[in-house]
Structures are given as C-alpha cells and as structure tokens.
Amino acid sequence: MIKPIAVLALAAVFLAGASAFAADNAKPDKTPAVRTAPPLPLAPKNAEEESQTYERCMKLAKENAEAARSLAEGWRDHGGAHPADHCYAVALIGLHQYKQAATRLETLGQSMPHAPASLRAEVLAQAGQAWLLSGDPARAYAADTAALTVRPDDPDLLVDRSEAAGMAGWFDKAVADLDRVLRNHPQRVDALIYRASAKRELNQLDPAQADIDKALGLAPDSADALLERGNIRRLRGDPNGARTDWVRVSVLAPGSSADRAAKSNIERLELKDEPAPSKQGGRGQ
C-alpha cells in the first residue's frame, strides 16, 4: 500500500496550496496528470471547498476505495484536475489495481514540470511503490530514478530505489544506493538493515554482519534487524544463534511478515534443510 506518511504529506501540500493551484497551471506535487498539464479550473474562491473535497477523498481512499474512486471520478469530471486524479490513483491501489495506479501516478508525476519538486518526486515515488506492488521492480526502479532526478540524494527515495533494486535481484545497485544514504545518515537503522540484507545476498557476510550489528546497537528490539541477523548467523554456521534471533522476532512482532519469515526459517532448521533463509521481502533484498 502507498506509504501513509507520503499520502498525508501530499494531502498537507494540496490543502495548504489549493489557492496556489488555482493561480498556477501546473502546481502538481503528488497527483496523477497527463503529459502536458492543462490549466486547472479551480477558482480561488472555491479553494477551501476543493481542499475539503481532496481531504475527504484521500481519507475515503483508505477506508472505502471503491467509494473514493467514484468520488474522484465525479470530482474530476467537474474540474477536480490533479488532486482528483491523485485520489483516483490512490483509490486504485486500495482496489489492488496496482498496475493501473502506477501508470496513472507515473503519468501524473511526469506531467507537472512547474510543480514543486517535493510534490513531483512524491508522486513518482508513489508510482514506484505501486509498481512494486504490481510485481514489476524494474518499472519501480525507473520511477524512483525519475523521482531522484527531481530530488537528487533524497534519502527516502534512495531507500525506495534500493528496495526495487533488491526485488529485481540487482543487489550491487541496492548497496550503492544505501551507501549514499548511510554516508550522510550513518545511524539510519532501516538503511543498515537493508544494506546488510543486500550484502548477504552478495555473500559478503562480514560486511553484512557489521551493518546488522550496528543496526541492533541502535535498535535492539528491531524485529527486522533480528530476522536479518538470524539469516546471517545461519549462513555463518551458527544455527542456535539464528534460532534465538528468530524466536525473539516472533515475541516482538507476532503476526508480522518478519514473524512469518522467522517461523519459516525455524521450520527449515528443524527439517535440517539448507536453502537460503527466508526474508521478510523488505527493501534492499
């Protein structure tokens, strides 16, 4: 699903800038659009009403995606423009129509050259998330790359692209992006975990161990970090240490994807099977 923080951030920009949308033809920051952004018909006097419609539509997209799509469609037909397009695309994600949503978001992000960089980058990043959900990490990587041309060295975008790279099996590319993140944000726990995972996939076990040890030093109760340390420990010939980490994952995060992966790994240990350990399917893997 589209990251909630990203959606909320976009809502804040649209709500704060509705009147600016009225004055500026292409003020899209996180909405779907076409190649050439048409003039927005929103009049300044209606900015508050349009803001409320956008807020209501985005809230509905999380609660009742079908209703949100209907609202966005009718709103767009009556001049809702980019905000309506964006809500429509997010509703499609809620309806599990990931490819259609990704296409709309990508088109939108590319069609607003005069929009604030933060909005354009966020729409393209959301397109990347939708491509990942559709099972197309190569398209996700391309969308994240487009977002990075707008906001170079943005750490969140680099982490997003590393996830796409990992899911595509491009672990060298994942490590390269995470190196860039950690150069300026050395204590970013998620990036350390994802880089450890990517290095594990490259059979670089000593550097992977160093990253995961640092991550756990910063966040001792991170279920994702413990899952990854268990993966590394198993590959280094320490099945008891791996089991200890995986059992703790299930205590800390019952019912999570990390919990499911940990339990699967424990089952493999008990069967004395030796395939590569299960992963939680997170970034950089």
Protein backbone atom coordinates (compact mmCIF):
# COMPACT_ATOMS: atom_id res chain seq x y z
CA MET A 1 0.00 0.00 0.00
CA ILE A 2 1.10 3.58 -0.59
CA LYS A 3 3.02 4.81 2.40
CA PRO A 4 0.63 6.59 4.80
CA ILE A 5 3.19 9.28 5.60
CA ALA A 6 3.62 10.09 1.92
CA VAL A 7 -0.12 10.38 1.42
CA LEU A 8 -0.52 12.59 4.47
CA ALA A 9 2.34 14.80 3.34
CA LEU A 10 0.74 15.17 -0.05
CA ALA A 11 -2.59 16.00 1.49
CA ALA A 12 -0.94 18.72 3.54
CA VAL A 13 0.61 20.26 0.44
CA PHE A 14 -2.64 20.20 -1.51
CA LEU A 15 -4.65 21.52 1.40
CA ALA A 16 -2.18 24.30 2.06
CA GLY A 17 -1.77 25.13 -1.59
CA ALA A 18 -5.22 24.83 -3.13
CA SER A 19 -5.36 28.51 -3.96
CA ALA A 20 -1.91 28.30 -5.50
CA PHE A 21 -3.23 25.54 -7.75
CA ALA A 22 -5.82 27.98 -8.97
CA ALA A 23 -3.20 30.52 -9.94
CA ASP A 24 -0.54 28.19 -11.36
CA ASN A 25 -1.38 25.95 -14.30
CA ALA A 26 0.73 23.02 -13.19
CA LYS A 27 1.24 23.06 -9.49
CA PRO A 28 1.06 19.28 -9.06
CA ASP A 29 3.31 17.80 -6.45
CA LYS A 30 1.84 14.39 -5.89
CA THR A 31 -1.02 13.89 -8.24
CA PRO A 32 -1.66 11.97 -11.44
CA ALA A 33 -1.58 14.03 -14.61
CA VAL A 34 -1.09 13.95 -18.33
CA ARG A 35 1.97 14.82 -20.39
CA THR A 36 1.02 18.44 -20.64
CA ALA A 37 -0.63 19.71 -17.51
CA PRO A 38 -3.83 21.56 -18.52
CA PRO A 39 -4.89 24.74 -16.77
CA LEU A 40 -6.56 23.92 -13.51
CA PRO A 41 -10.14 25.21 -13.44
CA LEU A 42 -10.17 25.59 -9.68
CA ALA A 43 -11.05 29.19 -8.87
CA PRO A 44 -9.50 30.82 -5.80
CA LYS A 45 -12.92 31.37 -4.25
CA ASN A 46 -13.51 27.60 -4.34
CA ALA A 47 -10.11 26.66 -2.96
CA GLU A 48 -11.38 25.85 0.53
CA GLU A 49 -14.18 23.68 -0.80
CA GLU A 50 -11.81 21.86 -3.14
CA SER A 51 -9.36 21.35 -0.28
CA GLN A 52 -12.06 19.73 1.79
CA THR A 53 -13.04 17.50 -1.12
CA TYR A 54 -9.45 16.36 -1.55
CA GLU A 55 -9.07 15.66 2.16
CA ARG A 56 -12.35 13.72 2.21
CA CYS A 57 -11.42 11.76 -0.90
CA MET A 58 -7.99 10.77 0.42
CA LYS A 59 -9.47 9.69 3.75
CA LEU A 60 -12.08 7.67 1.91
CA ALA A 61 -9.37 6.03 -0.21
CA LYS A 62 -8.04 4.39 2.96
CA GLU A 63 -11.45 3.36 4.26
CA ASN A 64 -13.56 2.57 1.18
CA ALA A 65 -11.52 2.55 -2.01
CA GLU A 66 -14.50 1.93 -4.31
CA ALA A 67 -16.35 4.93 -2.90
CA ALA A 68 -13.21 7.05 -3.17
CA ARG A 69 -12.80 6.12 -6.83
CA SER A 70 -16.39 7.13 -7.54
CA LEU A 71 -15.95 10.41 -5.71
CA ALA A 72 -12.68 11.16 -7.52
CA GLU A 73 -14.19 10.33 -10.89
CA GLY A 74 -17.15 12.66 -10.41
CA TRP A 75 -14.93 15.37 -8.96
CA ARG A 76 -12.52 15.11 -11.89
CA ASP A 77 -15.41 15.45 -14.35
CA HIS A 78 -16.32 18.71 -12.61
CA GLY A 79 -12.86 20.24 -12.69
CA GLY A 80 -11.05 18.45 -9.87
CA ALA A 81 -7.91 18.19 -12.05
CA HIS A 82 -4.71 16.94 -10.44
CA PRO A 83 -5.98 16.48 -6.87
CA ALA A 84 -8.87 14.37 -8.18
CA ASP A 85 -6.51 12.40 -10.39
CA HIS A 86 -4.24 11.68 -7.46
CA CYS A 87 -7.06 10.49 -5.25
CA TYR A 88 -8.33 8.29 -8.09
CA ALA A 89 -4.91 6.63 -8.43
CA VAL A 90 -4.61 6.04 -4.67
CA ALA A 91 -8.10 4.52 -4.68
CA LEU A 92 -6.95 2.10 -7.40
CA ILE A 93 -4.19 0.92 -5.08
CA GLY A 94 -6.80 0.22 -2.42
CA LEU A 95 -8.65 -1.82 -5.03
CA HIS A 96 -5.44 -3.78 -5.77
CA GLN A 97 -5.32 -2.40 -9.31
CA TYR A 98 -1.65 -1.69 -8.88
CA LYS A 99 -0.53 -1.50 -12.50
CA GLN A 100 -3.27 0.97 -13.44
CA ALA A 101 -2.48 3.05 -10.36
CA ALA A 102 1.24 3.03 -11.11
CA THR A 103 0.66 4.11 -14.70
CA ARG A 104 -1.58 6.99 -13.62
CA LEU A 105 0.81 8.15 -10.92
CA GLU A 106 3.80 7.96 -13.25
CA THR A 107 1.99 9.93 -15.94
CA LEU A 108 0.91 12.49 -13.39
CA GLY A 109 4.38 12.92 -11.94
CA GLN A 110 5.86 13.46 -15.38
CA SER A 111 3.20 15.93 -16.48
CA MET A 112 3.75 18.70 -13.99
CA PRO A 113 7.05 20.38 -14.81
CA HIS A 114 6.13 23.56 -12.93
CA ALA A 115 5.07 21.82 -9.74
CA PRO A 116 7.17 22.00 -6.57
CA ALA A 117 9.95 19.43 -6.69
CA SER A 118 8.78 17.79 -3.47
CA LEU A 119 5.33 17.05 -4.95
CA ARG A 120 6.62 15.75 -8.26
CA ALA A 121 9.12 13.50 -6.54
CA GLU A 122 6.49 12.14 -4.17
CA VAL A 123 4.06 11.28 -6.97
CA LEU A 124 6.83 9.46 -8.84
CA ALA A 125 7.86 7.67 -5.65
CA GLN A 126 4.27 6.57 -5.14
CA ALA A 127 4.29 5.27 -8.71
CA GLY A 128 7.36 3.26 -7.76
CA GLN A 129 5.55 1.79 -4.74
CA ALA A 130 2.61 0.83 -6.92
CA TRP A 131 4.90 -0.81 -9.49
CA LEU A 132 6.45 -2.85 -6.69
CA LEU A 133 3.01 -3.95 -5.55
CA SER A 134 2.23 -4.94 -9.13
CA GLY A 135 5.29 -7.19 -9.16
CA ASP A 136 7.35 -5.07 -11.55
CA PRO A 137 10.50 -3.96 -9.70
CA ALA A 138 12.20 -2.81 -12.91
CA ARG A 139 9.43 -0.26 -13.53
CA ALA A 140 9.58 0.69 -9.85
CA TYR A 141 13.31 1.31 -10.16
CA ALA A 142 12.72 3.51 -13.21
CA ALA A 143 10.03 5.53 -11.41
CA ASP A 144 12.29 6.02 -8.39
CA THR A 145 15.13 7.05 -10.69
CA ALA A 146 12.84 9.68 -12.23
CA ALA A 147 11.97 10.92 -8.73
CA LEU A 148 15.67 11.19 -7.91
CA THR A 149 16.26 13.39 -10.94
CA VAL A 150 13.89 15.84 -9.27
CA ARG A 151 15.31 15.44 -5.77
CA PRO A 152 18.85 14.06 -6.03
CA ASP A 153 20.25 12.35 -2.93
CA ASP A 154 16.89 12.30 -1.15
CA PRO A 155 17.48 9.50 1.40
CA ASP A 156 13.92 8.18 1.36
CA LEU A 157 13.91 7.97 -2.43
CA LEU A 158 17.26 6.19 -2.39
CA VAL A 159 15.94 3.65 0.10
CA ASP A 160 12.86 3.17 -2.07
CA ARG A 161 15.03 2.58 -5.13
CA SER A 162 17.23 0.15 -3.21
CA GLU A 163 14.12 -1.87 -2.42
CA ALA A 164 13.21 -2.02 -6.10
CA ALA A 165 16.79 -2.99 -6.98
CA GLY A 166 16.80 -5.74 -4.38
CA MET A 167 13.50 -7.16 -5.56
CA ALA A 168 14.86 -7.17 -9.11
CA GLY A 169 17.96 -9.04 -7.91
CA TRP A 170 20.24 -6.05 -8.54
CA PHE A 171 21.96 -6.22 -5.17
CA ASP A 172 25.01 -4.21 -6.24
CA LYS A 173 22.71 -1.34 -7.18
CA ALA A 174 20.87 -1.66 -3.88
CA VAL A 175 24.14 -1.44 -1.95
CA ALA A 176 25.24 1.59 -3.99
CA ASP A 177 22.05 3.49 -3.12
CA LEU A 178 22.24 2.53 0.54
CA ASP A 179 25.90 3.59 0.67
CA ARG A 180 24.76 7.03 -0.44
CA VAL A 181 22.12 7.15 2.28
CA LEU A 182 24.43 5.99 5.05
CA ARG A 183 27.19 8.37 4.03
CA ASN A 184 25.04 11.27 5.24
CA HIS A 185 22.79 9.38 7.67
CA PRO A 186 25.05 6.78 9.32
CA GLN A 187 22.54 5.97 12.05
CA ARG A 188 19.59 5.26 9.82
CA VAL A 189 18.55 1.83 11.03
CA ASP A 190 16.39 0.80 8.09
CA ALA A 191 19.19 1.52 5.61
CA LEU A 192 21.63 -0.51 7.70
CA ILE A 193 19.25 -3.47 7.76
CA TYR A 194 18.56 -3.30 4.04
CA ARG A 195 22.27 -2.99 3.21
CA ALA A 196 23.07 -5.95 5.45
CA SER A 197 20.45 -7.97 3.59
CA ALA A 198 21.79 -6.95 0.16
CA LYS A 199 25.35 -7.74 1.20
CA ARG A 200 24.20 -11.13 2.49
CA GLU A 201 22.70 -11.81 -0.91
CA LEU A 202 26.10 -10.95 -2.41
CA ASN A 203 27.73 -13.38 0.06
CA GLN A 204 29.58 -10.51 1.72
CA LEU A 205 28.92 -11.89 5.17
CA ASP A 206 31.48 -9.92 7.20
CA PRO A 207 30.28 -6.50 5.96
CA ALA A 208 26.67 -7.70 6.34
CA GLN A 209 27.39 -8.68 9.95
CA ALA A 210 28.94 -5.29 10.65
CA ASP A 211 25.87 -3.48 9.33
CA ILE A 212 23.40 -5.60 11.27
CA ASP A 213 25.40 -5.32 14.49
CA LYS A 214 25.34 -1.54 14.15
CA ALA A 215 21.61 -1.58 13.44
CA LEU A 216 20.93 -3.66 16.55
CA GLY A 217 23.18 -1.42 18.61
CA LEU A 218 20.88 1.46 17.62
CA ALA A 219 17.60 -0.51 17.82
CA PRO A 220 17.98 -3.66 19.95
CA ASP A 221 14.30 -4.60 19.63
CA SER A 222 14.01 -4.24 15.86
CA ALA A 223 12.27 -7.38 14.60
CA ASP A 224 13.56 -6.78 11.06
CA ALA A 225 17.14 -6.45 12.31
CA LEU A 226 16.85 -9.61 14.39
CA LEU A 227 15.40 -11.51 11.45
CA GLU A 228 18.32 -10.41 9.31
CA ARG A 229 20.91 -11.23 11.96
CA GLY A 230 19.39 -14.70 12.22
CA ASN A 231 19.72 -15.06 8.45
CA ILE A 232 23.37 -14.08 8.59
CA ARG A 233 24.09 -16.26 11.61
CA ARG A 234 22.67 -19.29 9.90
CA LEU A 235 24.83 -18.74 6.83
CA ARG A 236 27.85 -18.35 9.10
CA GLY A 237 27.20 -21.74 10.68
CA ASP A 238 25.51 -20.64 13.90
CA PRO A 239 22.05 -22.28 13.80
CA ASN A 240 21.49 -21.87 17.55
CA GLY A 241 22.15 -18.15 17.38
CA ALA A 242 19.88 -17.90 14.35
CA ARG A 243 17.08 -19.71 16.16
CA THR A 244 17.43 -17.42 19.18
CA ASP A 245 17.04 -14.34 16.97
CA TRP A 246 14.07 -15.77 15.08
CA VAL A 247 12.26 -16.80 18.26
CA ARG A 248 12.69 -13.25 19.56
CA VAL A 249 11.26 -11.86 16.32
CA SER A 250 8.03 -13.76 16.97
CA VAL A 251 7.88 -12.42 20.52
CA LEU A 252 8.43 -8.83 19.44
CA ALA A 253 6.27 -8.76 16.30
CA PRO A 254 3.67 -11.55 16.34
CA GLY A 255 1.68 -11.82 13.13
CA SER A 256 4.05 -9.62 11.12
CA SER A 257 5.80 -10.55 7.88
CA ALA A 258 9.03 -10.77 9.87
CA ASP A 259 7.33 -13.23 12.25
CA ARG A 260 6.15 -15.39 9.36
CA ALA A 261 9.62 -15.42 7.80
CA ALA A 262 11.23 -16.26 11.16
CA LYS A 263 8.86 -19.18 11.75
CA SER A 264 9.50 -20.47 8.26
CA ASN A 265 13.24 -20.34 8.90
CA ILE A 266 12.88 -22.20 12.18
CA GLU A 267 10.88 -24.91 10.43
CA ARG A 268 13.68 -25.29 7.90
CA LEU A 269 16.21 -25.58 10.69
CA GLU A 270 14.18 -28.35 12.29
CA LEU A 271 13.95 -30.17 8.98
CA LYS A 272 17.73 -29.74 8.69
CA ASP A 273 17.11 -28.16 5.32
CA GLU A 274 19.76 -25.86 3.95
CA PRO A 275 18.21 -23.50 1.37
CA ALA A 276 18.77 -19.78 1.71
CA PRO A 277 16.90 -18.30 4.68
CA SER A 278 13.51 -16.69 4.18
CA LYS A 279 13.38 -12.91 4.01
CA GLN A 280 10.67 -10.53 5.02
CA GLY A 281 10.54 -9.10 1.48
CA GLY A 282 11.65 -5.67 2.59
CA ARG A 283 13.91 -3.18 0.90
CA GLY A 284 17.33 -3.84 -0.37
CA GLN A 285 16.72 -7.58 -0.52
